[in-house]
N, C-alpha and C. Protein backbone atom coordinates (compact mmCIF):
# COMPACT_ATOMS: atom_id res chain seq x y z
N MET A 1 0.83 -1.17 -0.02
CA MET A 1 0.02 -0.02 0.02
C MET A 1 0.91 1.23 0.01
N LEU A 2 0.78 2.04 -0.99
CA LEU A 2 1.68 3.18 -1.18
C LEU A 2 1.23 4.44 -0.41
N CYS A 3 -0.04 4.55 -0.12
CA CYS A 3 -0.54 5.73 0.54
C CYS A 3 -1.85 5.46 1.28
N GLU A 4 -2.20 6.35 2.23
CA GLU A 4 -3.39 6.18 3.01
C GLU A 4 -4.68 6.48 2.24
N TYR A 5 -4.60 7.43 1.29
CA TYR A 5 -5.73 7.83 0.54
C TYR A 5 -5.32 8.51 -0.72
N ASN A 6 -6.21 8.53 -1.72
CA ASN A 6 -5.99 9.27 -2.98
C ASN A 6 -7.18 10.13 -3.24
N PHE A 7 -6.98 11.27 -3.88
CA PHE A 7 -8.12 12.07 -4.23
C PHE A 7 -7.97 12.49 -5.68
N TYR A 8 -9.10 12.76 -6.31
CA TYR A 8 -9.21 13.16 -7.69
C TYR A 8 -10.04 14.40 -7.78
N LYS A 9 -9.53 15.44 -8.45
CA LYS A 9 -10.20 16.73 -8.55
C LYS A 9 -11.14 16.73 -9.74
N ASN A 10 -12.29 17.41 -9.51
CA ASN A 10 -13.23 17.71 -10.58
C ASN A 10 -13.66 16.50 -11.38
N VAL A 11 -14.02 15.43 -10.65
CA VAL A 11 -14.46 14.22 -11.35
C VAL A 11 -15.81 14.47 -12.01
N PHE A 12 -16.65 15.25 -11.37
CA PHE A 12 -17.96 15.59 -11.91
C PHE A 12 -18.17 17.11 -11.88
N SER A 13 -18.68 17.66 -12.99
CA SER A 13 -18.97 19.08 -13.08
C SER A 13 -20.30 19.34 -12.28
N SER A 14 -20.60 20.62 -12.14
CA SER A 14 -21.81 20.98 -11.44
C SER A 14 -23.07 20.41 -12.13
N ASP A 15 -23.10 20.46 -13.48
CA ASP A 15 -24.21 19.93 -14.20
C ASP A 15 -24.34 18.39 -14.00
N GLU A 16 -23.18 17.73 -14.05
CA GLU A 16 -23.16 16.29 -13.88
C GLU A 16 -23.64 15.93 -12.48
N ARG A 17 -23.20 16.69 -11.48
CA ARG A 17 -23.61 16.42 -10.10
C ARG A 17 -25.09 16.55 -9.93
N LYS A 18 -25.66 17.62 -10.53
CA LYS A 18 -27.12 17.83 -10.44
C LYS A 18 -27.87 16.68 -11.09
N GLU A 19 -27.36 16.22 -12.27
CA GLU A 19 -28.03 15.12 -12.93
C GLU A 19 -27.96 13.84 -12.12
N ILE A 20 -26.79 13.56 -11.54
CA ILE A 20 -26.62 12.35 -10.67
C ILE A 20 -27.63 12.39 -9.53
N ILE A 21 -27.71 13.54 -8.86
CA ILE A 21 -28.65 13.68 -7.70
C ILE A 21 -30.09 13.55 -8.15
N ASP A 22 -30.46 14.11 -9.27
CA ASP A 22 -31.83 13.96 -9.78
C ASP A 22 -32.16 12.46 -10.06
N ILE A 23 -31.27 11.79 -10.71
CA ILE A 23 -31.51 10.35 -11.00
C ILE A 23 -31.59 9.55 -9.71
N ALA A 24 -30.71 9.83 -8.80
CA ALA A 24 -30.70 9.07 -7.53
C ALA A 24 -31.99 9.27 -6.76
N GLU A 25 -32.47 10.53 -6.66
CA GLU A 25 -33.64 10.83 -5.92
C GLU A 25 -34.88 10.16 -6.56
N LYS A 26 -34.89 9.94 -7.83
CA LYS A 26 -36.04 9.34 -8.50
C LYS A 26 -35.96 7.77 -8.49
N ASN A 27 -34.82 7.24 -8.09
CA ASN A 27 -34.64 5.80 -8.18
C ASN A 27 -34.18 5.18 -6.81
N LYS A 28 -34.65 5.68 -5.69
CA LYS A 28 -34.29 5.12 -4.40
C LYS A 28 -34.68 3.67 -4.37
N SER A 29 -33.78 2.81 -3.89
CA SER A 29 -33.99 1.39 -3.85
C SER A 29 -34.84 1.00 -2.64
N PHE A 30 -35.77 0.12 -2.86
CA PHE A 30 -36.50 -0.51 -1.79
C PHE A 30 -36.08 -1.96 -1.66
N LEU A 31 -35.20 -2.42 -2.50
CA LEU A 31 -34.66 -3.81 -2.40
C LEU A 31 -33.50 -3.87 -1.42
N PHE A 32 -32.66 -2.85 -1.45
CA PHE A 32 -31.50 -2.76 -0.54
C PHE A 32 -31.67 -1.62 0.40
N LEU A 33 -31.85 -1.88 1.69
CA LEU A 33 -32.08 -0.79 2.62
C LEU A 33 -30.80 -0.63 3.43
N ASP A 34 -30.43 0.61 3.66
CA ASP A 34 -29.28 0.91 4.46
C ASP A 34 -29.52 0.56 5.92
N ARG A 35 -28.51 -0.06 6.58
CA ARG A 35 -28.64 -0.41 7.97
C ARG A 35 -28.53 0.83 8.87
N PRO A 36 -29.51 1.04 9.74
CA PRO A 36 -29.37 2.17 10.67
C PRO A 36 -28.35 1.81 11.71
N THR A 37 -27.58 2.81 12.19
CA THR A 37 -26.65 2.62 13.23
C THR A 37 -26.68 3.79 14.21
N SER A 38 -26.13 3.62 15.36
CA SER A 38 -26.12 4.67 16.35
C SER A 38 -25.15 5.78 16.02
N TYR A 39 -24.16 5.51 15.21
CA TYR A 39 -23.12 6.50 14.94
C TYR A 39 -23.44 7.33 13.66
N LYS A 40 -24.53 7.02 12.99
CA LYS A 40 -24.87 7.72 11.75
C LYS A 40 -26.08 8.59 11.99
N LYS A 41 -25.87 9.89 11.97
CA LYS A 41 -26.95 10.85 12.13
C LYS A 41 -27.07 11.66 10.85
N VAL A 42 -27.50 11.01 9.79
CA VAL A 42 -27.54 11.60 8.43
C VAL A 42 -28.66 10.89 7.65
N GLU A 43 -29.25 11.61 6.72
CA GLU A 43 -30.23 10.99 5.82
C GLU A 43 -29.48 10.22 4.74
N THR A 44 -29.80 8.93 4.64
CA THR A 44 -29.09 8.05 3.70
C THR A 44 -30.10 7.25 2.89
N PHE A 45 -29.80 7.07 1.61
CA PHE A 45 -30.55 6.15 0.78
C PHE A 45 -29.63 5.51 -0.20
N LEU A 46 -30.11 4.38 -0.74
CA LEU A 46 -29.33 3.61 -1.70
C LEU A 46 -30.07 3.61 -3.09
N ILE A 47 -29.33 3.48 -4.12
CA ILE A 47 -29.96 3.17 -5.43
C ILE A 47 -29.18 1.98 -6.05
N GLU A 48 -29.84 1.30 -6.93
CA GLU A 48 -29.18 0.15 -7.57
C GLU A 48 -28.30 0.66 -8.66
N THR A 49 -27.10 0.14 -8.76
CA THR A 49 -26.08 0.63 -9.68
C THR A 49 -26.53 0.73 -11.13
N PRO A 50 -27.25 -0.26 -11.72
CA PRO A 50 -27.59 -0.17 -13.14
C PRO A 50 -28.42 1.10 -13.48
N LYS A 51 -29.13 1.65 -12.52
CA LYS A 51 -29.98 2.79 -12.78
C LYS A 51 -29.19 4.11 -12.97
N ILE A 52 -27.90 4.06 -12.60
CA ILE A 52 -27.09 5.33 -12.69
C ILE A 52 -25.71 5.05 -13.31
N TYR A 53 -25.42 3.82 -13.64
CA TYR A 53 -24.07 3.46 -14.07
C TYR A 53 -23.53 4.38 -15.19
N ASP A 54 -24.28 4.67 -16.23
CA ASP A 54 -23.73 5.43 -17.33
C ASP A 54 -23.32 6.86 -16.92
N LYS A 55 -23.87 7.38 -15.84
CA LYS A 55 -23.57 8.73 -15.39
C LYS A 55 -22.35 8.70 -14.45
N ILE A 56 -22.02 7.63 -13.83
CA ILE A 56 -20.97 7.60 -12.84
C ILE A 56 -19.83 6.61 -13.21
N GLU A 57 -19.85 6.10 -14.40
CA GLU A 57 -18.86 5.12 -14.81
C GLU A 57 -17.39 5.56 -14.60
N LYS A 58 -17.12 6.87 -14.86
CA LYS A 58 -15.76 7.33 -14.73
C LYS A 58 -15.30 7.21 -13.26
N ALA A 59 -16.18 7.33 -12.28
CA ALA A 59 -15.78 7.16 -10.91
C ALA A 59 -15.36 5.71 -10.59
N PHE A 60 -16.07 4.74 -11.19
CA PHE A 60 -15.68 3.32 -11.04
C PHE A 60 -14.31 3.05 -11.70
N ILE A 61 -14.12 3.64 -12.85
CA ILE A 61 -12.85 3.49 -13.57
C ILE A 61 -11.67 4.10 -12.76
N LEU A 62 -11.87 5.29 -12.20
CA LEU A 62 -10.82 5.88 -11.35
C LEU A 62 -10.53 5.02 -10.14
N ALA A 63 -11.61 4.47 -9.48
CA ALA A 63 -11.40 3.63 -8.32
C ALA A 63 -10.59 2.38 -8.66
N ALA A 64 -10.92 1.72 -9.77
CA ALA A 64 -10.21 0.52 -10.18
C ALA A 64 -8.76 0.83 -10.49
N ARG A 65 -8.52 1.94 -11.18
CA ARG A 65 -7.17 2.36 -11.52
C ARG A 65 -6.39 2.70 -10.24
N CYS A 66 -7.03 3.37 -9.32
CA CYS A 66 -6.42 3.68 -8.07
C CYS A 66 -5.96 2.46 -7.33
N ASN A 67 -6.84 1.45 -7.29
CA ASN A 67 -6.42 0.15 -6.66
C ASN A 67 -5.23 -0.44 -7.35
N GLN A 68 -5.21 -0.51 -8.67
CA GLN A 68 -4.09 -1.07 -9.41
C GLN A 68 -2.81 -0.34 -9.13
N GLU A 69 -2.83 0.97 -9.05
CA GLU A 69 -1.58 1.77 -8.92
C GLU A 69 -1.11 1.95 -7.48
N PHE A 70 -2.03 1.91 -6.50
CA PHE A 70 -1.63 2.23 -5.14
C PHE A 70 -1.87 1.17 -4.09
N TYR A 71 -2.84 0.28 -4.29
CA TYR A 71 -3.20 -0.65 -3.25
C TYR A 71 -2.99 -2.11 -3.58
N GLY A 72 -3.31 -2.53 -4.74
CA GLY A 72 -3.11 -3.88 -5.18
C GLY A 72 -4.03 -4.91 -4.49
N PHE A 73 -5.17 -4.47 -3.99
CA PHE A 73 -6.09 -5.41 -3.39
C PHE A 73 -6.74 -6.34 -4.44
N GLU A 74 -6.95 -7.59 -4.07
CA GLU A 74 -7.65 -8.51 -4.96
C GLU A 74 -9.16 -8.20 -4.89
N LEU A 75 -9.66 -7.63 -5.93
CA LEU A 75 -11.03 -7.21 -6.01
C LEU A 75 -11.90 -8.06 -6.93
N PHE A 76 -13.15 -8.21 -6.65
CA PHE A 76 -14.07 -8.89 -7.56
C PHE A 76 -14.20 -8.00 -8.78
N ALA A 77 -14.50 -8.66 -9.96
CA ALA A 77 -14.60 -7.90 -11.19
C ALA A 77 -15.96 -7.22 -11.29
N ASN A 78 -16.96 -7.72 -10.53
CA ASN A 78 -18.28 -7.10 -10.66
C ASN A 78 -18.38 -5.73 -9.99
N LEU A 79 -19.35 -4.97 -10.42
CA LEU A 79 -19.56 -3.63 -9.86
C LEU A 79 -20.33 -3.74 -8.54
N PRO A 80 -20.28 -2.72 -7.71
CA PRO A 80 -21.07 -2.71 -6.51
C PRO A 80 -22.55 -2.80 -6.89
N PHE A 81 -23.36 -3.48 -6.02
CA PHE A 81 -24.77 -3.62 -6.28
C PHE A 81 -25.49 -2.34 -6.06
N THR A 82 -25.05 -1.52 -5.11
CA THR A 82 -25.75 -0.29 -4.75
C THR A 82 -24.77 0.87 -4.60
N ILE A 83 -25.34 2.06 -4.77
CA ILE A 83 -24.58 3.27 -4.55
C ILE A 83 -25.29 4.01 -3.41
N ASN A 84 -24.51 4.54 -2.49
CA ASN A 84 -25.07 5.15 -1.28
C ASN A 84 -25.04 6.68 -1.42
N PHE A 85 -26.11 7.33 -0.99
CA PHE A 85 -26.15 8.82 -1.03
C PHE A 85 -26.41 9.30 0.40
N ASN A 86 -25.65 10.30 0.86
CA ASN A 86 -25.75 10.85 2.18
C ASN A 86 -26.07 12.33 2.08
N TYR A 87 -27.06 12.77 2.85
CA TYR A 87 -27.45 14.18 2.86
C TYR A 87 -27.21 14.70 4.32
N TYR A 88 -26.30 15.64 4.44
CA TYR A 88 -25.97 16.22 5.76
C TYR A 88 -26.51 17.64 5.76
N GLU A 89 -27.34 17.99 6.77
CA GLU A 89 -27.72 19.35 6.99
C GLU A 89 -27.38 19.73 8.42
N ASN A 90 -27.86 20.86 8.87
CA ASN A 90 -27.50 21.37 10.20
C ASN A 90 -27.45 20.32 11.27
N GLY A 91 -26.29 20.13 11.85
CA GLY A 91 -26.14 19.20 12.97
C GLY A 91 -25.95 17.77 12.57
N LYS A 92 -26.11 17.40 11.28
CA LYS A 92 -26.00 15.98 10.88
C LYS A 92 -24.52 15.61 10.72
N GLU A 93 -24.21 14.41 11.14
CA GLU A 93 -22.81 13.93 11.16
C GLU A 93 -22.82 12.44 10.99
N TYR A 94 -21.57 11.92 10.80
CA TYR A 94 -21.37 10.47 10.74
C TYR A 94 -20.14 10.18 11.59
N SER A 95 -20.31 9.66 12.79
CA SER A 95 -19.22 9.46 13.70
C SER A 95 -18.22 8.42 13.19
N TYR A 96 -17.10 8.34 13.89
CA TYR A 96 -16.03 7.36 13.43
C TYR A 96 -16.60 5.99 13.24
N HIS A 97 -16.29 5.41 12.10
CA HIS A 97 -16.65 4.05 11.78
C HIS A 97 -15.67 3.55 10.69
N ARG A 98 -15.80 2.29 10.41
CA ARG A 98 -15.07 1.76 9.24
C ARG A 98 -15.99 0.95 8.43
N ASP A 99 -15.79 0.80 7.21
CA ASP A 99 -16.68 0.08 6.30
C ASP A 99 -16.26 -1.37 6.19
N GLY A 100 -17.19 -2.28 6.24
CA GLY A 100 -16.88 -3.69 6.15
C GLY A 100 -18.14 -4.50 6.00
N SER A 101 -17.95 -5.75 5.63
CA SER A 101 -19.04 -6.67 5.53
C SER A 101 -19.35 -7.31 6.85
N LYS A 102 -20.52 -7.86 7.00
CA LYS A 102 -20.84 -8.62 8.22
C LYS A 102 -19.82 -9.76 8.42
N LEU A 103 -19.54 -10.01 9.69
CA LEU A 103 -18.68 -11.14 10.01
C LEU A 103 -19.20 -12.44 9.42
N GLY A 104 -18.29 -13.28 8.92
CA GLY A 104 -18.71 -14.55 8.39
C GLY A 104 -19.06 -14.57 6.94
N MET A 105 -19.10 -13.42 6.29
CA MET A 105 -19.39 -13.36 4.88
C MET A 105 -18.11 -13.78 4.07
N ALA A 106 -18.35 -14.25 2.87
CA ALA A 106 -17.25 -14.67 1.96
C ALA A 106 -16.53 -13.49 1.36
N ASN A 107 -17.16 -12.34 1.35
CA ASN A 107 -16.56 -11.18 0.77
C ASN A 107 -16.32 -10.11 1.86
N ASP A 108 -15.54 -9.08 1.47
CA ASP A 108 -15.35 -7.95 2.38
C ASP A 108 -15.09 -6.71 1.53
N ILE A 109 -15.46 -5.56 2.10
CA ILE A 109 -15.24 -4.32 1.47
C ILE A 109 -13.73 -3.96 1.58
N LYS A 110 -13.06 -3.62 0.47
CA LYS A 110 -11.63 -3.34 0.48
C LYS A 110 -11.40 -1.84 0.33
N LEU A 111 -12.08 -1.17 -0.54
CA LEU A 111 -11.89 0.26 -0.78
C LEU A 111 -13.23 1.04 -0.69
N THR A 112 -13.14 2.23 -0.12
CA THR A 112 -14.27 3.11 -0.07
C THR A 112 -13.99 4.29 -0.99
N ALA A 113 -14.99 4.66 -1.80
CA ALA A 113 -14.87 5.84 -2.66
C ALA A 113 -16.03 6.79 -2.32
N ILE A 114 -15.68 8.06 -2.09
CA ILE A 114 -16.67 9.09 -1.74
C ILE A 114 -16.52 10.24 -2.69
N VAL A 115 -17.64 10.70 -3.28
CA VAL A 115 -17.68 11.85 -4.20
C VAL A 115 -18.52 12.92 -3.57
N ASN A 116 -18.01 14.13 -3.55
CA ASN A 116 -18.76 15.29 -3.05
C ASN A 116 -19.64 15.79 -4.17
N LEU A 117 -20.98 15.65 -4.00
CA LEU A 117 -21.96 16.05 -4.99
C LEU A 117 -22.65 17.35 -4.63
N SER A 118 -22.21 18.02 -3.60
CA SER A 118 -22.88 19.24 -3.13
C SER A 118 -23.09 20.25 -4.23
N GLN A 119 -24.22 20.90 -4.16
CA GLN A 119 -24.56 21.93 -5.20
C GLN A 119 -24.33 23.34 -4.68
N SER A 120 -24.17 23.57 -3.39
CA SER A 120 -23.91 24.90 -2.89
C SER A 120 -22.94 24.80 -1.71
N ASN A 121 -22.50 25.96 -1.23
CA ASN A 121 -21.55 26.00 -0.16
C ASN A 121 -22.14 25.52 1.13
N TYR A 122 -21.39 24.96 1.92
CA TYR A 122 -21.77 24.53 3.28
C TYR A 122 -20.63 24.72 4.24
N THR A 123 -20.90 24.81 5.53
CA THR A 123 -19.84 24.93 6.51
C THR A 123 -19.92 23.72 7.43
N GLY A 124 -18.82 23.40 8.06
CA GLY A 124 -18.70 22.17 8.86
C GLY A 124 -18.62 21.00 7.90
N GLY A 125 -19.04 19.79 8.37
CA GLY A 125 -19.01 18.60 7.52
C GLY A 125 -17.59 18.16 7.13
N GLU A 126 -16.58 18.50 7.96
CA GLU A 126 -15.23 18.14 7.64
C GLU A 126 -15.08 16.62 7.67
N PHE A 127 -14.35 16.08 6.67
CA PHE A 127 -14.10 14.65 6.57
C PHE A 127 -12.74 14.37 7.20
N GLU A 128 -12.70 13.36 8.08
CA GLU A 128 -11.43 13.00 8.73
C GLU A 128 -11.25 11.49 8.67
N ILE A 129 -9.95 11.12 8.55
CA ILE A 129 -9.60 9.71 8.69
C ILE A 129 -8.68 9.66 9.89
N PHE A 130 -8.81 8.62 10.67
CA PHE A 130 -7.96 8.45 11.85
C PHE A 130 -6.75 7.66 11.43
N LEU A 131 -5.59 8.35 11.42
CA LEU A 131 -4.29 7.71 11.08
C LEU A 131 -3.34 7.92 12.25
N GLY A 132 -3.72 7.46 13.42
CA GLY A 132 -2.94 7.66 14.61
C GLY A 132 -3.36 8.99 15.28
N LYS A 133 -3.93 9.80 14.49
CA LYS A 133 -4.54 11.11 14.99
C LYS A 133 -5.59 11.50 13.97
N ASP A 134 -6.47 12.42 14.31
CA ASP A 134 -7.49 12.87 13.35
C ASP A 134 -6.78 13.64 12.24
N GLU A 135 -6.98 13.19 10.98
CA GLU A 135 -6.41 13.87 9.87
C GLU A 135 -7.49 14.35 8.95
N ARG A 136 -7.68 15.67 8.85
CA ARG A 136 -8.71 16.24 7.99
C ARG A 136 -8.29 16.16 6.56
N ILE A 137 -9.20 15.72 5.69
CA ILE A 137 -8.92 15.58 4.33
C ILE A 137 -9.71 16.69 3.55
N VAL A 138 -9.02 17.81 3.37
CA VAL A 138 -9.70 19.00 2.81
C VAL A 138 -10.07 18.83 1.38
N GLU A 139 -9.43 17.95 0.62
CA GLU A 139 -9.70 17.81 -0.77
C GLU A 139 -11.13 17.42 -1.02
N ILE A 140 -11.75 16.65 -0.16
CA ILE A 140 -13.11 16.17 -0.40
C ILE A 140 -14.14 17.30 -0.08
N ASP A 141 -13.73 18.42 0.54
CA ASP A 141 -14.65 19.48 0.77
C ASP A 141 -15.15 20.15 -0.49
N GLU A 142 -14.39 20.04 -1.57
CA GLU A 142 -14.73 20.70 -2.80
C GLU A 142 -15.65 19.86 -3.66
N PRO A 143 -16.84 20.43 -4.01
CA PRO A 143 -17.81 19.66 -4.86
C PRO A 143 -17.14 19.16 -6.12
N GLY A 144 -17.47 17.93 -6.51
CA GLY A 144 -16.93 17.28 -7.66
C GLY A 144 -15.72 16.43 -7.43
N ASN A 145 -15.04 16.60 -6.26
CA ASN A 145 -13.89 15.81 -5.96
C ASN A 145 -14.23 14.47 -5.38
N MET A 146 -13.31 13.49 -5.52
CA MET A 146 -13.49 12.10 -5.03
C MET A 146 -12.32 11.73 -4.22
N ILE A 147 -12.53 10.96 -3.17
CA ILE A 147 -11.48 10.37 -2.35
C ILE A 147 -11.68 8.88 -2.32
N ILE A 148 -10.55 8.14 -2.32
CA ILE A 148 -10.54 6.66 -2.28
C ILE A 148 -9.56 6.27 -1.18
N PHE A 149 -9.99 5.35 -0.31
CA PHE A 149 -9.08 4.90 0.76
C PHE A 149 -9.47 3.50 1.17
N PRO A 150 -8.57 2.75 1.84
CA PRO A 150 -8.88 1.41 2.34
C PRO A 150 -10.03 1.53 3.36
N SER A 151 -11.00 0.65 3.20
CA SER A 151 -12.21 0.73 4.04
C SER A 151 -11.97 0.40 5.51
N PHE A 152 -10.80 -0.18 5.81
CA PHE A 152 -10.57 -0.50 7.24
C PHE A 152 -10.09 0.64 8.04
N PHE A 153 -9.83 1.81 7.40
CA PHE A 153 -9.46 2.99 8.15
C PHE A 153 -10.72 3.62 8.79
N PHE A 154 -10.62 3.97 10.05
CA PHE A 154 -11.74 4.67 10.74
C PHE A 154 -11.84 6.07 10.06
N HIS A 155 -13.07 6.52 9.82
CA HIS A 155 -13.32 7.82 9.20
C HIS A 155 -14.63 8.36 9.70
N ARG A 156 -14.76 9.67 9.54
CA ARG A 156 -16.01 10.35 10.00
C ARG A 156 -16.26 11.61 9.24
N VAL A 157 -17.50 12.12 9.42
CA VAL A 157 -17.87 13.45 8.89
C VAL A 157 -18.36 14.22 10.12
N LYS A 158 -17.69 15.33 10.42
CA LYS A 158 -18.11 16.17 11.54
C LYS A 158 -19.44 16.88 11.22
N PRO A 159 -20.10 17.39 12.21
CA PRO A 159 -21.42 18.02 11.95
C PRO A 159 -21.37 19.19 10.95
N VAL A 160 -22.37 19.19 10.08
CA VAL A 160 -22.53 20.32 9.16
C VAL A 160 -23.21 21.44 10.01
N THR A 161 -22.69 22.65 9.88
CA THR A 161 -23.21 23.73 10.69
C THR A 161 -24.08 24.65 9.91
N HIS A 162 -23.91 24.68 8.56
CA HIS A 162 -24.76 25.54 7.71
C HIS A 162 -24.77 24.95 6.28
N GLY A 163 -25.91 24.93 5.68
CA GLY A 163 -26.01 24.43 4.30
C GLY A 163 -26.24 22.95 4.23
N LYS A 164 -25.98 22.38 3.03
CA LYS A 164 -26.26 20.98 2.76
C LYS A 164 -25.05 20.36 2.11
N ARG A 165 -24.54 19.27 2.72
CA ARG A 165 -23.41 18.47 2.15
C ARG A 165 -24.01 17.21 1.60
N ILE A 166 -23.79 16.92 0.30
CA ILE A 166 -24.31 15.73 -0.34
C ILE A 166 -23.14 14.90 -0.86
N THR A 167 -23.08 13.66 -0.51
CA THR A 167 -22.07 12.77 -1.03
C THR A 167 -22.65 11.45 -1.57
N MET A 168 -21.91 10.89 -2.49
CA MET A 168 -22.16 9.60 -3.05
C MET A 168 -21.02 8.71 -2.67
N SER A 169 -21.29 7.48 -2.21
CA SER A 169 -20.21 6.59 -1.85
C SER A 169 -20.51 5.19 -2.45
N PHE A 170 -19.47 4.49 -2.74
CA PHE A 170 -19.58 3.12 -3.17
C PHE A 170 -18.33 2.37 -2.67
N TRP A 171 -18.44 1.04 -2.65
CA TRP A 171 -17.39 0.22 -2.07
C TRP A 171 -16.98 -0.88 -3.07
N LEU A 172 -15.67 -1.10 -3.14
CA LEU A 172 -15.10 -2.17 -4.01
C LEU A 172 -14.81 -3.33 -3.05
N GLU A 173 -15.27 -4.51 -3.48
CA GLU A 173 -15.18 -5.70 -2.62
C GLU A 173 -14.21 -6.76 -3.23
N GLY A 174 -13.80 -7.63 -2.33
CA GLY A 174 -12.99 -8.76 -2.68
C GLY A 174 -13.23 -9.87 -1.73
N LYS A 175 -12.38 -10.94 -1.83
CA LYS A 175 -12.51 -12.04 -0.84
C LYS A 175 -12.34 -11.55 0.56
N ASN A 176 -12.93 -12.26 1.50
CA ASN A 176 -12.78 -11.92 2.92
C ASN A 176 -11.31 -11.80 3.23
N TRP A 177 -10.98 -10.89 4.14
CA TRP A 177 -9.57 -10.59 4.53
C TRP A 177 -8.91 -11.83 5.10
N ASN A 178 -9.66 -12.76 5.69
CA ASN A 178 -9.00 -13.92 6.34
C ASN A 178 -8.33 -14.85 5.34
C-alpha cells in the first residue's frame, strides 16, 4: 500500500452532479435498505447501480485504476450492487466508523470511494480519517472531488453547521480478509 488515501479533482462538473442527484432521488432502492446505526446521524438512501451506471462510470474506472496503482487489493470484477447517497444538513454527522461486511461473509469491502456532489456551499462537515490522529482531508470538501481509501481506516464526517453536504459513496469488494 503506497498511501493512506488518494483524491481526484473535478471528477464531476456542477451539471453532472445535479443530474446524478436527480437520477438518484427518482430511483431510491427498496430492495436494498441501508442499515441504521447509532453513529450515523444523516439522511441516507441507496440506489441500484444499473440505474445510474452510465452517469458515474468514470468514478468506477478511477477507483479501479487507483487500486491497481496504489493498493493492489484482490477485487471482484463485478460492480457494487448499490450506490449510497448521504445528505448532511445542520447538525448532521457520521461518527467514526469503518466500512466492512458482516462477520462470516465470503466477501469484504476493500476500498471506499466518496464523491462530493454538493450543489452549494456549506460549513462544517469536515471529513477525517484516523491515522494515529485525526487527519482532516480537505480535498473532499470541494464539490466534484472524489477520495478513495482502504475501508478498514476509521473515518467520520463532523457536523454540518450551515447548508447541505451531499455525497455519493460506493465500495469495492474482494474475498474476505481472512
